[in-house]
């Protein structure tokens, strides 16, 4: 039977109306005040269509009038400005071992009012959230806000997350919490049933933030490595974060690096990367090198500083760390093959010696192209701030996706 020739579908008036509304809405996602002329300059859409759409958005509570702008030097009628109508904030919570961080963002713009609270997380979640509610009440009160004024809450923590149910599957840093923990239930107890919630793995929240400042990475394969209380990663393919069925994609801290290592990880297995590149392992190496005093209270930034200064014991430890990461990155490359690897947290302070050892060992793999392996970057920005920025971006996307779905339904 002969195949029928396919005919290109002609866009209907409803399709064109929807596209115009989406393009006009995009102009306001920056949060800046815009006139009809600004919108026309950005989109090329006719002014009558823009004016009808602006009125439609104002009637729907999506935009509001922001008053008149100053007249130009040539005089004339002052044009009206418009801006997003929804002024509800987003609250980002980093519920991390040893410290809770709060940050705020509106539906447009960056995070601000970042506050840290030193706090050892109890094994009893009710106690954790009782304390969290107390500091949140004071935090919002400083802004003249109450829980009911908040649009959404993003909570990042250690462990794997079921993104369909918003449940924390397991947190090896707080094993007493149990498994399949309904953190959304705890959030709603504080903020009410209508709050928009998102629970995120800390490493992935931090990883997402790289796309905000390096937009070129939205077109590449990216691996960010989160290193602080543990090791995890965020794998991003063309702007999309990979999670997998059980959200195990990125849990590279529990990748087996050596089956002969006897140290038991919090996950219950031996030979995990997380244990082998821990500060405890570094101290053992320094002690073996006769540097007991240096080992006593060493931190990763201090270790890399001593290595940079040529300390042989520190370089022995750094060489060991680079070797272990080279094994992990070699194995990851066989299945993911990133264009760029970004170290964040403790290992962002790595010196040139670490980078040289890492690259030299990776280059021994003959399957890499002659023009080199992936690019390495070391991002030393505050992790909890990056987590807030990455997490708030998710809720902003959710907000605008909801509006765009309403636009589609309205155009049908």
Protein backbone atom coordinates (compact mmCIF):
# COMPACT_ATOMS: atom_id res chain seq x y z
CA UNK A 1 0.00 0.00 0.00
CA UNK A 2 1.34 3.43 -0.92
CA UNK A 3 2.13 5.71 2.00
CA UNK A 4 0.16 8.92 2.30
CA UNK A 5 2.22 12.06 1.96
CA UNK A 6 2.48 13.98 5.22
CA UNK A 7 1.16 17.52 5.15
CA UNK A 8 2.62 20.12 7.52
CA UNK A 9 0.06 21.13 10.10
CA UNK A 10 -1.00 24.77 9.76
CA UNK A 11 -0.94 26.59 13.08
CA UNK A 12 -4.46 27.40 14.27
CA UNK A 13 -5.41 30.79 15.74
CA UNK A 14 -5.51 29.09 19.17
CA UNK A 15 -1.93 27.84 18.69
CA UNK A 16 -0.74 31.32 17.71
CA UNK A 17 -2.55 32.90 20.68
CA UNK A 18 -0.93 30.40 23.08
CA UNK A 19 2.53 30.95 21.60
CA UNK A 20 2.17 34.74 21.87
CA UNK A 21 1.05 34.49 25.49
CA UNK A 22 3.99 32.23 26.36
CA UNK A 23 6.49 34.55 24.68
CA UNK A 24 5.06 37.61 26.43
CA UNK A 25 5.11 35.81 29.79
CA UNK A 26 8.79 34.92 29.21
CA UNK A 27 9.64 38.64 29.08
CA UNK A 28 8.42 39.09 32.65
CA UNK A 29 10.34 36.14 34.13
CA UNK A 30 13.28 38.46 34.80
CA UNK A 31 11.16 40.29 37.39
CA UNK A 32 11.81 43.66 35.78
CA UNK A 33 9.08 46.17 35.05
CA UNK A 34 8.22 46.26 31.36
CA UNK A 35 6.15 48.53 29.12
CA UNK A 36 4.22 47.33 26.08
CA UNK A 37 7.00 48.80 23.94
CA UNK A 38 9.61 46.79 25.88
CA UNK A 39 7.61 43.63 25.22
CA UNK A 40 7.25 44.47 21.53
CA UNK A 41 11.00 45.08 21.24
CA UNK A 42 11.73 41.70 22.88
CA UNK A 43 9.16 39.64 20.97
CA UNK A 44 8.26 41.42 17.72
CA UNK A 45 4.58 40.80 18.46
CA UNK A 46 2.14 43.51 17.33
CA UNK A 47 1.20 46.13 19.90
CA UNK A 48 -2.58 45.44 19.79
CA UNK A 49 -1.90 41.74 20.54
CA UNK A 50 0.45 42.71 23.36
CA UNK A 51 -2.08 45.07 24.91
CA UNK A 52 -4.83 42.40 24.80
CA UNK A 53 -2.48 39.84 26.35
CA UNK A 54 -1.32 42.21 29.09
CA UNK A 55 -4.96 42.87 29.98
CA UNK A 56 -5.61 39.11 29.97
CA UNK A 57 -2.69 38.52 32.36
CA UNK A 58 -3.78 41.37 34.64
CA UNK A 59 -7.36 40.07 34.78
CA UNK A 60 -5.98 36.62 35.66
CA UNK A 61 -3.78 37.95 38.46
CA UNK A 62 -0.55 36.96 36.70
CA UNK A 63 0.62 40.52 36.01
CA UNK A 64 -0.19 43.84 37.65
CA UNK A 65 0.27 47.46 36.76
CA UNK A 66 3.47 48.96 38.19
CA UNK A 67 2.51 52.57 37.46
CA UNK A 68 3.73 54.98 34.84
CA UNK A 69 7.34 55.48 33.82
CA UNK A 70 8.95 58.87 33.57
CA UNK A 71 8.37 60.66 30.29
CA UNK A 72 11.22 60.64 27.81
CA UNK A 73 13.22 63.77 27.07
CA UNK A 74 10.98 64.31 24.06
CA UNK A 75 7.95 64.51 26.27
CA UNK A 76 4.68 62.78 25.46
CA UNK A 77 2.35 60.46 27.29
CA UNK A 78 3.89 58.35 30.04
CA UNK A 79 3.64 54.63 29.24
CA UNK A 80 2.35 52.14 31.80
CA UNK A 81 4.65 49.50 33.29
CA UNK A 82 3.70 45.94 34.17
CA UNK A 83 5.30 43.32 36.40
CA UNK A 84 4.53 39.93 37.94
CA UNK A 85 1.65 40.18 40.39
CA UNK A 86 2.57 37.26 42.64
CA UNK A 87 4.87 38.53 45.39
CA UNK A 88 4.89 35.39 47.52
CA UNK A 89 8.39 34.25 48.51
CA UNK A 90 10.10 30.87 48.30
CA UNK A 91 11.87 29.56 51.40
CA UNK A 92 14.88 27.30 50.91
CA UNK A 93 15.95 25.07 53.78
CA UNK A 94 19.24 23.17 53.92
CA UNK A 95 18.75 20.51 56.61
CA UNK A 96 22.35 19.31 56.72
CA UNK A 97 24.48 17.55 59.35
CA UNK A 98 25.75 20.11 61.85
CA UNK A 99 24.00 23.12 60.35
CA UNK A 100 20.64 24.37 59.08
CA UNK A 101 20.62 27.15 56.47
CA UNK A 102 17.63 29.30 55.54
CA UNK A 103 17.40 31.47 52.44
CA UNK A 104 14.62 33.31 50.67
CA UNK A 105 13.79 34.13 47.07
CA UNK A 106 10.86 35.61 45.25
CA UNK A 107 9.46 34.00 42.11
CA UNK A 108 11.98 36.05 40.19
CA UNK A 109 15.45 37.08 41.29
CA UNK A 110 18.21 35.47 43.32
CA UNK A 111 18.20 34.21 46.90
CA UNK A 112 18.85 36.59 49.78
CA UNK A 113 18.72 36.85 53.59
CA UNK A 114 20.86 33.73 54.02
CA UNK A 115 21.19 32.63 57.65
CA UNK A 116 23.05 29.70 59.19
CA UNK A 117 22.12 27.91 62.43
CA UNK A 118 24.65 25.54 63.95
CA UNK A 119 22.60 22.54 64.99
CA UNK A 120 23.26 18.83 65.36
CA UNK A 121 20.28 17.07 63.83
CA UNK A 122 18.62 14.74 66.32
CA UNK A 123 17.53 11.25 65.33
CA UNK A 124 13.97 12.21 66.32
CA UNK A 125 12.45 14.05 63.34
CA UNK A 126 9.69 15.58 65.44
CA UNK A 127 12.34 17.35 67.52
CA UNK A 128 14.17 18.46 64.38
CA UNK A 129 11.05 20.06 62.90
CA UNK A 130 9.99 21.59 66.22
CA UNK A 131 13.30 23.47 66.26
CA UNK A 132 12.97 24.26 62.54
CA UNK A 133 9.52 25.76 63.03
CA UNK A 134 10.84 28.01 65.80
CA UNK A 135 13.68 29.48 63.73
CA UNK A 136 11.45 29.77 60.64
CA UNK A 137 8.89 31.80 62.57
CA UNK A 138 11.57 34.28 63.70
CA UNK A 139 13.18 34.28 60.24
CA UNK A 140 9.93 35.13 58.43
CA UNK A 141 8.94 37.59 61.12
CA UNK A 142 12.03 39.67 60.36
CA UNK A 143 10.61 40.12 56.84
CA UNK A 144 7.14 40.92 58.14
CA UNK A 145 5.89 37.56 56.88
CA UNK A 146 4.06 34.58 58.31
CA UNK A 147 3.91 30.96 57.15
CA UNK A 148 0.73 31.63 55.13
CA UNK A 149 2.52 34.23 52.97
CA UNK A 150 4.97 31.71 51.47
CA UNK A 151 4.42 30.23 47.98
CA UNK A 152 6.72 27.24 48.27
CA UNK A 153 9.39 25.47 50.30
CA UNK A 154 12.44 23.66 48.96
CA UNK A 155 14.23 21.42 51.45
CA UNK A 156 17.60 19.88 50.68
CA UNK A 157 19.17 17.18 52.80
CA UNK A 158 21.54 14.23 52.65
CA UNK A 159 20.21 11.01 51.16
CA UNK A 160 18.21 9.73 48.20
CA UNK A 161 14.81 11.14 47.31
CA UNK A 162 11.80 9.63 45.55
CA UNK A 163 10.88 12.60 43.38
CA UNK A 164 7.40 11.27 42.61
CA UNK A 165 6.33 11.02 46.25
CA UNK A 166 8.70 13.67 47.74
CA UNK A 167 9.85 11.04 50.25
CA UNK A 168 13.38 10.72 51.56
CA UNK A 169 14.27 7.09 50.87
CA UNK A 170 17.27 6.92 53.21
CA UNK A 171 19.78 9.28 54.79
CA UNK A 172 23.05 7.58 55.73
CA UNK A 173 24.04 10.66 57.76
CA UNK A 174 20.92 10.33 59.95
CA UNK A 175 20.09 6.60 59.89
CA UNK A 176 17.80 7.01 62.90
CA UNK A 177 15.30 8.80 60.68
CA UNK A 178 14.46 5.46 59.10
CA UNK A 179 13.46 4.97 55.48
CA UNK A 180 10.70 6.27 53.16
CA UNK A 181 10.39 9.42 55.27
CA UNK A 182 7.51 11.73 54.36
CA UNK A 183 9.31 15.06 54.76
CA UNK A 184 6.54 16.82 52.83
CA UNK A 185 4.16 15.92 55.69
CA UNK A 186 6.47 17.64 58.16
CA UNK A 187 6.75 20.72 55.93
CA UNK A 188 2.96 20.99 55.60
CA UNK A 189 2.57 20.81 59.38
CA UNK A 190 4.48 24.09 59.52
CA UNK A 191 3.33 25.93 56.39
CA UNK A 192 -0.15 24.51 55.81
CA UNK A 193 -1.68 22.12 53.32
CA UNK A 194 -1.58 24.50 50.31
CA UNK A 195 2.17 25.04 50.31
CA UNK A 196 4.12 23.89 47.25
CA UNK A 197 6.90 21.52 48.42
CA UNK A 198 10.02 20.10 46.89
CA UNK A 199 12.47 17.78 48.67
CA UNK A 200 15.90 17.52 47.05
CA UNK A 201 19.17 15.69 47.54
CA UNK A 202 21.78 18.23 48.70
CA UNK A 203 24.35 17.34 46.03
CA UNK A 204 21.83 17.69 43.24
CA UNK A 205 20.52 21.01 44.55
CA UNK A 206 24.10 22.33 44.59
CA UNK A 207 24.81 20.87 41.15
CA UNK A 208 21.80 22.59 39.58
CA UNK A 209 23.18 25.98 40.59
CA UNK A 210 26.12 25.63 38.18
CA UNK A 211 23.67 26.04 35.29
CA UNK A 212 22.62 29.47 36.58
CA UNK A 213 26.08 31.00 36.29
CA UNK A 214 27.49 28.93 33.43
CA UNK A 215 24.62 28.85 30.92
CA UNK A 216 26.86 27.16 28.31
CA UNK A 217 26.68 24.01 30.47
CA UNK A 218 23.01 23.64 29.50
CA UNK A 219 24.30 22.22 26.21
CA UNK A 220 26.87 19.84 27.71
CA UNK A 221 27.26 16.74 29.87
CA UNK A 222 28.17 17.92 33.35
CA UNK A 223 29.30 16.05 36.46
CA UNK A 224 29.41 18.08 39.68
CA UNK A 225 31.01 16.48 42.74
CA UNK A 226 29.62 17.48 46.13
CA UNK A 227 32.15 16.96 48.94
CA UNK A 228 31.58 17.89 52.54
CA UNK A 229 30.09 15.43 55.10
CA UNK A 230 30.13 12.85 52.29
CA UNK A 231 30.60 12.47 48.55
CA UNK A 232 27.85 12.60 45.95
CA UNK A 233 27.43 13.88 42.41
CA UNK A 234 24.94 15.51 40.12
CA UNK A 235 24.87 14.26 36.52
CA UNK A 236 23.36 16.82 34.17
CA UNK A 237 22.76 16.08 30.49
CA UNK A 238 21.85 19.16 28.42
CA UNK A 239 20.27 20.87 31.43
CA UNK A 240 18.43 17.75 32.65
CA UNK A 241 19.42 16.21 36.00
CA UNK A 242 19.58 12.43 35.92
CA UNK A 243 18.02 10.58 38.86
CA UNK A 244 17.07 7.03 37.91
CA UNK A 245 14.33 4.78 39.25
CA UNK A 246 15.59 4.74 42.84
CA UNK A 247 17.40 8.10 42.68
CA UNK A 248 20.73 6.28 42.97
CA UNK A 249 22.28 8.04 39.98
CA UNK A 250 24.87 10.37 41.49
CA UNK A 251 25.52 8.45 44.71
CA UNK A 252 29.16 8.03 43.71
CA UNK A 253 30.27 8.17 47.34
CA UNK A 254 29.07 4.58 47.61
CA UNK A 255 30.91 3.41 44.50
CA UNK A 256 33.22 0.50 45.38
CA UNK A 257 36.81 1.60 44.78
CA UNK A 258 38.62 -1.24 46.54
CA UNK A 259 37.28 -4.65 47.55
CA UNK A 260 40.23 -5.11 49.94
CA UNK A 261 39.58 -2.02 52.06
CA UNK A 262 38.11 -3.05 55.42
CA UNK A 263 36.53 0.23 56.53
CA UNK A 264 32.73 -0.02 56.67
CA UNK A 265 30.77 2.87 55.16
CA UNK A 266 27.50 4.26 56.58
CA UNK A 267 25.76 2.52 53.68
CA UNK A 268 26.85 -0.84 55.10
CA UNK A 269 29.41 -1.70 52.39
CA UNK A 270 33.22 -1.73 52.37
CA UNK A 271 35.61 0.00 49.99
CA UNK A 272 33.34 2.99 49.24
CA UNK A 273 34.83 6.16 47.72
CA UNK A 274 33.29 8.21 50.55
CA UNK A 275 35.34 6.38 53.18
CA UNK A 276 38.51 6.23 51.12
CA UNK A 277 38.69 9.99 50.54
CA UNK A 278 37.48 11.00 54.01
CA UNK A 279 39.39 13.31 56.33
CA UNK A 280 39.86 10.31 58.64
CA UNK A 281 41.76 8.49 55.90
CA UNK A 282 43.88 11.60 55.28
CA UNK A 283 44.82 11.76 58.95
CA UNK A 284 45.90 8.10 58.85
CA UNK A 285 48.17 8.76 55.87
CA UNK A 286 49.74 11.80 57.52
CA UNK A 287 50.37 9.81 60.69
CA UNK A 288 52.02 7.05 58.66
CA UNK A 289 54.26 9.76 57.21
CA UNK A 290 55.29 10.84 60.71
CA UNK A 291 53.19 14.02 60.69
CA UNK A 292 51.11 13.41 63.82
CA UNK A 293 50.91 17.11 64.68
CA UNK A 294 49.79 18.06 61.19
CA UNK A 295 47.22 15.25 61.22
CA UNK A 296 45.65 16.28 64.52
CA UNK A 297 43.15 18.90 63.31
CA UNK A 298 43.74 18.93 59.56
CA UNK A 299 41.02 20.10 57.16
CA UNK A 300 40.94 19.61 53.40
CA UNK A 301 41.71 23.27 52.59
CA UNK A 302 44.70 23.09 54.98
CA UNK A 303 45.87 19.82 53.45
CA UNK A 304 45.83 21.30 49.95
CA UNK A 305 47.59 24.43 51.21
CA UNK A 306 50.41 22.33 52.70
CA UNK A 307 50.60 20.35 49.47
CA UNK A 308 50.87 23.53 47.44
CA UNK A 309 53.77 24.58 49.66
CA UNK A 310 55.57 21.31 48.86
CA UNK A 311 55.05 19.39 52.11
CA UNK A 312 55.93 15.77 51.19
CA UNK A 313 53.53 14.15 53.65
CA UNK A 314 50.65 16.33 52.44
CA UNK A 315 51.53 15.50 48.84
CA UNK A 316 51.51 11.80 49.65
CA UNK A 317 47.96 12.19 50.96
CA UNK A 318 46.89 14.34 48.00
CA UNK A 319 48.36 11.84 45.54
CA UNK A 320 46.37 9.09 47.26
CA UNK A 321 43.16 11.14 47.04
CA UNK A 322 43.72 11.93 43.36
CA UNK A 323 44.30 8.22 42.65
CA UNK A 324 40.99 7.26 44.28
CA UNK A 325 39.07 9.96 42.40
CA UNK A 326 40.77 8.93 39.15
CA UNK A 327 39.41 5.40 39.59
CA UNK A 328 35.90 6.74 40.25
CA UNK A 329 35.97 9.19 37.32
CA UNK A 330 37.38 6.55 34.98
CA UNK A 331 34.45 4.27 35.80
CA UNK A 332 31.90 7.08 35.49
CA UNK A 333 33.31 8.07 32.10
CA UNK A 334 32.66 4.58 30.73
CA UNK A 335 28.91 5.06 31.18
CA UNK A 336 28.41 8.83 31.20
CA UNK A 337 31.47 10.49 29.56
CA UNK A 338 31.13 14.07 30.89
CA UNK A 339 32.39 17.18 29.09
CA UNK A 340 33.20 18.89 32.39
CA UNK A 341 33.74 17.81 36.00
CA UNK A 342 33.16 20.46 38.68
CA UNK A 343 34.44 19.86 42.22
CA UNK A 344 32.41 21.65 44.91
CA UNK A 345 32.90 21.81 48.67
CA UNK A 346 36.03 20.41 50.34
CA UNK A 347 37.70 19.23 47.14
CA UNK A 348 37.09 22.56 45.42
CA UNK A 349 40.15 23.70 47.40
CA UNK A 350 42.38 21.16 45.67
CA UNK A 351 45.77 22.48 44.56
CA UNK A 352 47.49 22.16 41.18
CA UNK A 353 49.28 19.02 42.39
CA UNK A 354 45.94 17.23 42.92
CA UNK A 355 44.72 18.28 39.48
CA UNK A 356 47.97 17.21 37.83
CA UNK A 357 47.91 13.79 39.54
CA UNK A 358 44.26 13.31 38.62
CA UNK A 359 44.67 14.25 34.96
CA UNK A 360 47.92 12.31 34.53
CA UNK A 361 46.33 9.09 35.77
CA UNK A 362 43.17 9.55 33.72
CA UNK A 363 45.19 10.16 30.57
CA UNK A 364 46.68 6.67 30.86
CA UNK A 365 43.33 5.40 29.58
CA UNK A 366 43.98 5.10 25.84
CA UNK A 367 40.37 5.40 24.79
CA UNK A 368 40.25 9.11 25.57
CA UNK A 369 40.57 11.27 22.42
CA UNK A 370 43.87 12.93 21.58
CA UNK A 371 42.45 16.38 22.29
CA UNK A 372 42.20 15.46 25.96
CA UNK A 373 39.75 14.30 28.60
CA UNK A 374 37.00 16.30 30.23
CA UNK A 375 37.63 19.78 31.63
CA UNK A 376 38.03 20.11 35.42
CA UNK A 377 36.81 23.10 37.41
CA UNK A 378 36.99 23.89 41.14
CA UNK A 379 34.02 25.89 42.45
CA UNK A 380 34.73 27.25 45.94
CA UNK A 381 31.42 29.00 46.55
CA UNK A 382 29.41 28.27 49.70
CA UNK A 383 27.55 24.98 49.25
CA UNK A 384 24.42 25.88 51.20
CA UNK A 385 24.00 29.08 49.17
CA UNK A 386 24.37 27.11 45.94
CA UNK A 387 21.82 24.60 47.23
CA UNK A 388 19.34 27.41 47.90
CA UNK A 389 19.87 28.86 44.43
CA UNK A 390 19.49 25.49 42.76
CA UNK A 391 16.44 24.58 44.81
CA UNK A 392 14.63 27.88 44.33
CA UNK A 393 15.09 27.49 40.56
CA UNK A 394 13.09 24.27 40.70
CA UNK A 395 10.14 25.92 42.43
CA UNK A 396 10.22 28.87 40.03
CA UNK A 397 10.05 26.47 37.09
CA UNK A 398 7.14 24.69 38.77
CA UNK A 399 5.31 28.00 39.24
CA UNK A 400 5.67 29.11 35.62
CA UNK A 401 4.93 25.60 34.33
CA UNK A 402 1.61 25.75 36.21
CA UNK A 403 0.77 29.07 34.56
CA UNK A 404 1.72 27.76 31.12
CA UNK A 405 -0.49 24.69 31.62
CA UNK A 406 -3.37 27.00 32.49
CA UNK A 407 -2.68 28.98 29.31
CA UNK A 408 -2.84 25.76 27.27
CA UNK A 409 -6.11 24.72 28.86
CA UNK A 410 -7.57 28.17 28.29
CA UNK A 411 -6.65 28.10 24.59
CA UNK A 412 -8.26 24.71 23.94
